[in-house]
Amino acid sequence: MNSRRRVNSAVRFLLGYLAMKYESSIHVTNDSGVPQVFHLEPWGEQIEMAPGVTFVLVAEATRQGSFEVERGETETIVWAWPTASVKIFCDGTEIGLGAGIARPAVPEVPEGQTVASFLRNMLGRDSPFS
């Protein structure tokens, strides 16, 4: 009976560990004065972003990470990190193709690479805006 209790405690500990989540959020504002295309990667989602609009991105992941933001003249690209699932909000309302459903988590990439660098390498692209 005593060993059974130890096993149950160990299982509860491991389940709690596996369920641990990290959260991160950022605000992205179009302060360019002209409409921009907002890209959420690696999902390939594109949303028109009017001048002065702010999107709030909220990510949950099973490991720590951070967003990678790239800005061009007419577009902004935001990349999530491995294990992250992201929601986009505008004025408190969830927006985008994934609104109301959980986007799939970003898959792992080789050690030492970001999701952006890995995908650019695989697609043969040197620049985010080429």
Protein backbone atom coordinates (compact mmCIF):
# COMPACT_ATOMS: atom_id res chain seq x y z
CA MET A 1 0.00 0.00 0.00
CA ASN A 2 2.82 2.42 0.84
CA SER A 3 4.56 1.90 -2.54
CA ARG A 4 1.23 2.49 -4.30
CA ARG A 5 0.96 5.90 -2.62
CA ARG A 6 4.49 6.79 -3.75
CA VAL A 7 3.66 5.87 -7.35
CA ASN A 8 0.45 7.94 -7.30
CA SER A 9 2.37 10.92 -5.89
CA ALA A 10 5.01 10.57 -8.60
CA VAL A 11 2.37 10.39 -11.32
CA ARG A 12 0.61 13.52 -9.98
CA PHE A 13 3.95 15.36 -9.88
CA LEU A 14 4.81 14.40 -13.47
CA LEU A 15 1.36 15.34 -14.78
CA GLY A 16 1.64 18.71 -13.08
CA TYR A 17 5.09 19.22 -14.60
CA LEU A 18 3.91 18.33 -18.12
CA ALA A 19 0.92 20.66 -17.85
CA MET A 20 3.13 23.65 -16.90
CA LYS A 21 2.62 26.52 -19.34
CA TYR A 22 4.53 29.65 -20.11
CA GLU A 23 2.72 32.75 -21.29
CA SER A 24 3.99 35.77 -23.17
CA SER A 25 2.28 38.72 -24.81
CA ILE A 26 3.24 41.68 -26.95
CA HIS A 27 1.51 44.72 -28.41
CA VAL A 28 2.15 45.44 -32.09
CA THR A 29 1.02 48.84 -33.38
CA ASN A 30 0.86 50.08 -36.97
CA ASP A 31 2.31 53.54 -36.50
CA SER A 32 3.27 53.92 -40.18
CA GLY A 33 0.29 56.05 -41.22
CA VAL A 34 -0.62 53.59 -44.03
CA PRO A 35 -2.32 50.18 -43.99
CA GLN A 36 0.05 47.28 -43.40
CA VAL A 37 -0.16 43.53 -43.84
CA PHE A 38 0.34 41.76 -40.52
CA HIS A 39 1.76 38.22 -40.83
CA LEU A 40 1.55 35.65 -38.05
CA GLU A 41 4.15 32.97 -38.62
CA PRO A 42 4.68 30.10 -38.95
CA TRP A 43 0.93 29.74 -39.61
CA GLY A 44 1.05 31.97 -42.70
CA GLU A 45 -1.86 34.05 -41.48
CA GLN A 46 -2.25 37.56 -42.96
CA ILE A 47 -4.45 40.34 -41.60
CA GLU A 48 -4.79 43.89 -42.88
CA MET A 49 -3.74 46.31 -40.16
CA ALA A 50 -5.10 49.85 -40.43
CA PRO A 51 -2.97 52.84 -39.37
CA GLY A 52 -2.98 53.37 -35.60
CA VAL A 53 -4.36 49.90 -34.83
CA THR A 54 -2.75 47.77 -32.11
CA PHE A 55 -2.87 43.98 -32.06
CA VAL A 56 -2.20 42.13 -28.82
CA LEU A 57 -0.64 38.71 -29.28
CA VAL A 58 -0.89 36.21 -26.45
CA ALA A 59 1.04 32.95 -26.54
CA GLU A 60 0.98 29.85 -24.38
CA ALA A 61 3.77 27.32 -24.65
CA THR A 62 5.28 24.38 -22.84
CA ARG A 63 8.68 26.05 -22.91
CA GLN A 64 9.94 29.59 -22.57
CA GLY A 65 10.48 31.70 -25.62
CA SER A 66 9.78 35.08 -27.13
CA PHE A 67 8.21 36.60 -30.21
CA GLU A 68 10.42 37.70 -33.09
CA VAL A 69 9.18 40.88 -34.83
CA GLU A 70 10.28 42.07 -38.27
CA ARG A 71 9.03 45.37 -39.70
CA GLY A 72 9.01 46.46 -43.31
CA GLU A 73 7.55 49.48 -45.09
CA THR A 74 4.20 47.81 -45.80
CA GLU A 75 4.22 44.73 -43.59
CA THR A 76 4.97 43.42 -40.13
CA ILE A 77 5.91 39.80 -39.49
CA VAL A 78 5.63 38.23 -36.03
CA TRP A 79 7.11 34.78 -35.44
CA ALA A 80 6.24 32.54 -32.52
CA TRP A 81 8.68 30.05 -30.96
CA PRO A 82 8.56 26.23 -30.71
CA THR A 83 5.66 24.84 -28.61
CA ALA A 84 3.80 28.19 -28.72
CA SER A 85 0.16 28.59 -29.67
CA VAL A 86 -0.91 32.20 -30.32
CA LYS A 87 -4.11 34.24 -30.17
CA ILE A 88 -4.47 37.70 -31.74
CA PHE A 89 -6.69 40.38 -30.21
CA CYS A 90 -7.78 43.78 -31.49
CA ASP A 91 -9.77 46.02 -29.14
CA GLY A 92 -10.33 43.02 -26.84
CA THR A 93 -11.80 40.78 -29.57
CA GLU A 94 -9.96 37.74 -30.85
CA ILE A 95 -9.32 38.07 -34.60
CA GLY A 96 -7.78 36.12 -37.46
CA LEU A 97 -8.39 32.74 -39.04
CA GLY A 98 -7.68 31.03 -35.73
CA ALA A 99 -10.19 33.10 -33.76
CA GLY A 100 -12.13 30.89 -31.39
CA ILE A 101 -10.00 27.81 -31.95
CA ALA A 102 -6.57 26.81 -30.72
CA ARG A 103 -3.89 27.17 -33.37
CA PRO A 104 -1.59 24.15 -33.47
CA ALA A 105 1.61 24.57 -31.49
CA VAL A 106 4.76 25.54 -33.38
CA PRO A 107 6.89 22.43 -33.99
CA GLU A 108 10.46 22.15 -32.75
CA VAL A 109 13.34 23.44 -34.90
CA PRO A 110 17.02 22.40 -34.84
CA GLU A 111 19.00 23.67 -31.86
CA GLY A 112 20.55 27.09 -32.40
CA GLN A 113 17.93 28.20 -34.94
CA THR A 114 14.80 30.30 -34.60
CA VAL A 115 11.60 29.35 -36.36
CA ALA A 116 12.19 32.22 -38.80
CA SER A 117 15.80 31.27 -39.61
CA PHE A 118 14.91 27.60 -39.99
CA LEU A 119 12.02 28.23 -42.39
CA ARG A 120 13.96 30.80 -44.43
CA ASN A 121 16.79 28.31 -44.75
CA MET A 122 14.37 25.56 -45.86
CA LEU A 123 12.68 27.90 -48.38
CA GLY A 124 15.93 29.43 -49.67
CA ARG A 125 15.07 32.99 -48.61
CA ASP A 126 17.68 35.38 -47.26
CA SER A 127 15.44 38.27 -46.27
CA PRO A 128 12.01 38.47 -44.65
CA PHE A 129 10.81 40.95 -47.30
CA SER A 130 12.21 39.44 -50.49
